[in-house]
Amino acid sequence: MEEVAALLGVPKSTVYSKWRAWGLKGIRVGRNVKFRERDVEAWLERQTIN
């Protein structure tokens, strides 16, 4: 969460509350949600405005 928040320039709380609505693929590891770097990069590519 922290790395994704830093990459996007948003607070960690925003990522926690919005990752599902944004369509980011998360992986639950115990009580934590992790993101694969390739999934975040693919999501960012889909958000690109032409």
PDB file of N, CA and C in Angstrom:
ATOM      1  N   MET A   1       0.817  -1.197   0.000  1.00  0.00           N
ATOM      2  CA  MET A   1       0.000   0.000   0.000  1.00  0.00           C
ATOM      3  C   MET A   1       0.859   1.259   0.000  1.00  0.00           C
ATOM      4  N   GLU A   2       1.900   1.243   0.820  1.00  0.00           N
ATOM      5  CA  GLU A   2       2.726   2.441   0.925  1.00  0.00           C
ATOM      6  C   GLU A   2       3.420   2.768  -0.387  1.00  0.00           C
ATOM      7  N   GLU A   3       3.946   1.745  -1.047  1.00  0.00           N
ATOM      8  CA  GLU A   3       4.649   1.984  -2.309  1.00  0.00           C
ATOM      9  C   GLU A   3       3.692   2.452  -3.399  1.00  0.00           C
ATOM     10  N   VAL A   4       2.512   1.879  -3.445  1.00  0.00           N
ATOM     11  CA  VAL A   4       1.518   2.292  -4.439  1.00  0.00           C
ATOM     12  C   VAL A   4       1.091   3.729  -4.169  1.00  0.00           C
ATOM     13  N   ALA A   5       0.864   4.051  -2.899  1.00  0.00           N
ATOM     14  CA  ALA A   5       0.480   5.419  -2.543  1.00  0.00           C
ATOM     15  C   ALA A   5       1.571   6.411  -2.950  1.00  0.00           C
ATOM     16  N   ALA A   6       2.824   6.054  -2.693  1.00  0.00           N
ATOM     17  CA  ALA A   6       3.927   6.943  -3.059  1.00  0.00           C
ATOM     18  C   ALA A   6       4.021   7.095  -4.576  1.00  0.00           C
ATOM     19  N   LEU A   7       3.847   6.003  -5.294  1.00  0.00           N
ATOM     20  CA  LEU A   7       3.914   6.038  -6.753  1.00  0.00           C
ATOM     21  C   LEU A   7       2.821   6.935  -7.335  1.00  0.00           C
ATOM     22  N   LEU A   8       1.623   6.861  -6.753  1.00  0.00           N
ATOM     23  CA  LEU A   8       0.496   7.645  -7.254  1.00  0.00           C
ATOM     24  C   LEU A   8       0.436   9.054  -6.677  1.00  0.00           C
ATOM     25  N   GLY A   9       1.188   9.285  -5.612  1.00  0.00           N
ATOM     26  CA  GLY A   9       1.176  10.607  -4.985  1.00  0.00           C
ATOM     27  C   GLY A   9      -0.104  10.885  -4.215  1.00  0.00           C
ATOM     28  N   VAL A  10      -0.653   9.831  -3.612  1.00  0.00           N
ATOM     29  CA  VAL A  10      -1.876   9.963  -2.819  1.00  0.00           C
ATOM     30  C   VAL A  10      -1.625   9.378  -1.427  1.00  0.00           C
ATOM     31  N   PRO A  11      -2.451   9.750  -0.450  1.00  0.00           N
ATOM     32  CA  PRO A  11      -2.293   9.153   0.882  1.00  0.00           C
ATOM     33  C   PRO A  11      -2.578   7.656   0.856  1.00  0.00           C
ATOM     34  N   LYS A  12      -1.950   6.941   1.768  1.00  0.00           N
ATOM     35  CA  LYS A  12      -2.155   5.495   1.885  1.00  0.00           C
ATOM     36  C   LYS A  12      -3.628   5.178   2.126  1.00  0.00           C
ATOM     37  N   SER A  13      -4.323   6.035   2.867  1.00  0.00           N
ATOM     38  CA  SER A  13      -5.742   5.806   3.153  1.00  0.00           C
ATOM     39  C   SER A  13      -6.580   5.819   1.872  1.00  0.00           C
ATOM     40  N   THR A  14      -6.169   6.612   0.887  1.00  0.00           N
ATOM     41  CA  THR A  14      -6.882   6.654  -0.388  1.00  0.00           C
ATOM     42  C   THR A  14      -6.743   5.322  -1.110  1.00  0.00           C
ATOM     43  N   VAL A  15      -5.549   4.769  -1.113  1.00  0.00           N
ATOM     44  CA  VAL A  15      -5.339   3.471  -1.761  1.00  0.00           C
ATOM     45  C   VAL A  15      -6.167   2.405  -1.053  1.00  0.00           C
ATOM     46  N   TYR A  16      -6.161   2.411   0.282  1.00  0.00           N
ATOM     47  CA  TYR A  16      -6.945   1.440   1.048  1.00  0.00           C
ATOM     48  C   TYR A  16      -8.426   1.504   0.682  1.00  0.00           C
ATOM     49  N   SER A  17      -8.952   2.695   0.512  1.00  0.00           N
ATOM     50  CA  SER A  17     -10.392   2.830   0.284  1.00  0.00           C
ATOM     51  C   SER A  17     -10.795   2.710  -1.180  1.00  0.00           C
ATOM     52  N   LYS A  18      -9.863   2.890  -2.097  1.00  0.00           N
ATOM     53  CA  LYS A  18     -10.220   2.964  -3.519  1.00  0.00           C
ATOM     54  C   LYS A  18      -9.675   1.848  -4.403  1.00  0.00           C
ATOM     55  N   TRP A  19      -8.771   0.987  -3.920  1.00  0.00           N
ATOM     56  CA  TRP A  19      -8.108   0.049  -4.818  1.00  0.00           C
ATOM     57  C   TRP A  19      -9.083  -0.864  -5.549  1.00  0.00           C
ATOM     58  N   ARG A  20     -10.140  -1.295  -4.891  1.00  0.00           N
ATOM     59  CA  ARG A  20     -11.134  -2.147  -5.575  1.00  0.00           C
ATOM     60  C   ARG A  20     -11.898  -1.351  -6.634  1.00  0.00           C
ATOM     61  N   ALA A  21     -12.336  -0.163  -6.286  1.00  0.00           N
ATOM     62  CA  ALA A  21     -13.083   0.677  -7.235  1.00  0.00           C
ATOM     63  C   ALA A  21     -12.224   1.033  -8.442  1.00  0.00           C
ATOM     64  N   TRP A  22     -10.922   1.183  -8.227  1.00  0.00           N
ATOM     65  CA  TRP A  22     -10.007   1.495  -9.312  1.00  0.00           C
ATOM     66  C   TRP A  22      -9.756   0.288 -10.203  1.00  0.00           C
ATOM     67  N   GLY A  23     -10.065  -0.911  -9.701  1.00  0.00           N
ATOM     68  CA  GLY A  23      -9.819  -2.122 -10.478  1.00  0.00           C
ATOM     69  C   GLY A  23      -8.411  -2.669 -10.328  1.00  0.00           C
ATOM     70  N   LEU A  24      -7.704  -2.246  -9.277  1.00  0.00           N
ATOM     71  CA  LEU A  24      -6.376  -2.807  -9.014  1.00  0.00           C
ATOM     72  C   LEU A  24      -6.523  -4.230  -8.498  1.00  0.00           C
ATOM     73  N   LYS A  25      -5.673  -5.123  -8.976  1.00  0.00           N
ATOM     74  CA  LYS A  25      -5.685  -6.500  -8.510  1.00  0.00           C
ATOM     75  C   LYS A  25      -4.824  -6.597  -7.264  1.00  0.00           C
ATOM     76  N   GLY A  26      -5.446  -6.954  -6.153  1.00  0.00           N
ATOM     77  CA  GLY A  26      -4.727  -7.098  -4.895  1.00  0.00           C
ATOM     78  C   GLY A  26      -4.645  -8.557  -4.489  1.00  0.00           C
ATOM     79  N   ILE A  27      -3.635  -8.881  -3.707  1.00  0.00           N
ATOM     80  CA  ILE A  27      -3.444 -10.226  -3.185  1.00  0.00           C
ATOM     81  C   ILE A  27      -3.461 -10.133  -1.673  1.00  0.00           C
ATOM     82  N   ARG A  28      -4.358 -10.879  -1.047  1.00  0.00           N
ATOM     83  CA  ARG A  28      -4.436 -10.851   0.411  1.00  0.00           C
ATOM     84  C   ARG A  28      -3.388 -11.802   0.976  1.00  0.00           C
ATOM     85  N   VAL A  29      -2.533 -11.264   1.841  1.00  0.00           N
ATOM     86  CA  VAL A  29      -1.516 -12.038   2.540  1.00  0.00           C
ATOM     87  C   VAL A  29      -1.787 -11.832   4.021  1.00  0.00           C
ATOM     88  N   GLY A  30      -2.458 -12.801   4.616  1.00  0.00           N
ATOM     89  CA  GLY A  30      -2.900 -12.627   5.998  1.00  0.00           C
ATOM     90  C   GLY A  30      -3.933 -11.510   6.046  1.00  0.00           C
ATOM     91  N   ARG A  31      -3.667 -10.499   6.845  1.00  0.00           N
ATOM     92  CA  ARG A  31      -4.568  -9.351   6.945  1.00  0.00           C
ATOM     93  C   ARG A  31      -4.180  -8.222   6.011  1.00  0.00           C
ATOM     94  N   ASN A  32      -3.082  -8.390   5.294  1.00  0.00           N
ATOM     95  CA  ASN A  32      -2.564  -7.331   4.428  1.00  0.00           C
ATOM     96  C   ASN A  32      -2.958  -7.559   2.979  1.00  0.00           C
ATOM     97  N   VAL A  33      -2.993  -6.485   2.226  1.00  0.00           N
ATOM     98  CA  VAL A  33      -3.220  -6.559   0.786  1.00  0.00           C
ATOM     99  C   VAL A  33      -1.931  -6.112   0.111  1.00  0.00           C
ATOM    100  N   LYS A  34      -1.456  -6.956  -0.801  1.00  0.00           N
ATOM    101  CA  LYS A  34      -0.236  -6.660  -1.547  1.00  0.00           C
ATOM    102  C   LYS A  34      -0.589  -6.516  -3.022  1.00  0.00           C
ATOM    103  N   PHE A  35       0.258  -5.816  -3.749  1.00  0.00           N
ATOM    104  CA  PHE A  35       0.056  -5.619  -5.173  1.00  0.00           C
ATOM    105  C   PHE A  35       1.309  -6.031  -5.915  1.00  0.00           C
ATOM    106  N   ARG A  36       1.131  -6.753  -7.016  1.00  0.00           N
ATOM    107  CA  ARG A  36       2.270  -7.074  -7.875  1.00  0.00           C
ATOM    108  C   ARG A  36       2.628  -5.828  -8.669  1.00  0.00           C
ATOM    109  N   GLU A  37       3.911  -5.601  -8.815  1.00  0.00           N
ATOM    110  CA  GLU A  37       4.372  -4.425  -9.551  1.00  0.00           C
ATOM    111  C   GLU A  37       3.812  -4.426 -10.973  1.00  0.00           C
ATOM    112  N   ARG A  38       3.792  -5.583 -11.613  1.00  0.00           N
ATOM    113  CA  ARG A  38       3.290  -5.650 -12.993  1.00  0.00           C
ATOM    114  C   ARG A  38       1.805  -5.317 -13.073  1.00  0.00           C
ATOM    115  N   ASP A  39       1.032  -5.674 -12.034  1.00  0.00           N
ATOM    116  CA  ASP A  39      -0.397  -5.342 -12.028  1.00  0.00           C
ATOM    117  C   ASP A  39      -0.608  -3.836 -11.876  1.00  0.00           C
ATOM    118  N   VAL A  40       0.209  -3.206 -11.033  1.00  0.00           N
ATOM    119  CA  VAL A  40       0.109  -1.754 -10.848  1.00  0.00           C
ATOM    120  C   VAL A  40       0.514  -1.039 -12.133  1.00  0.00           C
ATOM    121  N   GLU A  41       1.587  -1.509 -12.765  1.00  0.00           N
ATOM    122  CA  GLU A  41       2.022  -0.897 -14.019  1.00  0.00           C
ATOM    123  C   GLU A  41       0.970  -1.051 -15.115  1.00  0.00           C
ATOM    124  N   ALA A  42       0.344  -2.228 -15.191  1.00  0.00           N
ATOM    125  CA  ALA A  42      -0.708  -2.456 -16.192  1.00  0.00           C
ATOM    126  C   ALA A  42      -1.897  -1.545 -15.917  1.00  0.00           C
ATOM    127  N   TRP A  43      -2.251  -1.375 -14.644  1.00  0.00           N
ATOM    128  CA  TRP A  43      -3.362  -0.498 -14.289  1.00  0.00           C
ATOM    129  C   TRP A  43      -3.036   0.945 -14.685  1.00  0.00           C
ATOM    130  N   LEU A  44      -1.806   1.362 -14.420  1.00  0.00           N
ATOM    131  CA  LEU A  44      -1.406   2.720 -14.796  1.00  0.00           C
ATOM    132  C   LEU A  44      -1.480   2.914 -16.302  1.00  0.00           C
ATOM    133  N   GLU A  45      -1.089   1.926 -17.067  1.00  0.00           N
ATOM    134  CA  GLU A  45      -1.169   2.020 -18.538  1.00  0.00           C
ATOM    135  C   GLU A  45      -2.611   2.194 -18.986  1.00  0.00           C
ATOM    136  N   ARG A  46      -3.529   1.505 -18.329  1.00  0.00           N
ATOM    137  CA  ARG A  46      -4.941   1.614 -18.684  1.00  0.00           C
ATOM    138  C   ARG A  46      -5.510   2.990 -18.342  1.00  0.00           C
ATOM    139  N   GLN A  47      -4.856   3.710 -17.420  1.00  0.00           N
ATOM    140  CA  GLN A  47      -5.344   5.018 -17.005  1.00  0.00           C
ATOM    141  C   GLN A  47      -4.801   6.135 -17.878  1.00  0.00           C
ATOM    142  N   THR A  48      -3.888   5.819 -18.769  1.00  0.00           N
ATOM    143  CA  THR A  48      -3.269   6.824 -19.622  1.00  0.00           C
ATOM    144  C   THR A  48      -4.291   7.460 -20.540  1.00  0.00           C
ATOM    145  N   ILE A  49      -4.262   8.771 -20.613  1.00  0.00           N
ATOM    146  CA  ILE A  49      -5.171   9.529 -21.490  1.00  0.00           C
ATOM    147  C   ILE A  49      -4.459   9.769 -22.807  1.00  0.00           C
ATOM    148  N   ASN A  50      -5.132   9.445 -23.891  1.00  0.00           N
ATOM    149  CA  ASN A  50      -4.521   9.633 -25.222  1.00  0.00           C
ATOM    150  C   ASN A  50      -4.763  11.016 -25.728  1.00  0.00           C
TER     151      ASN A  50
END
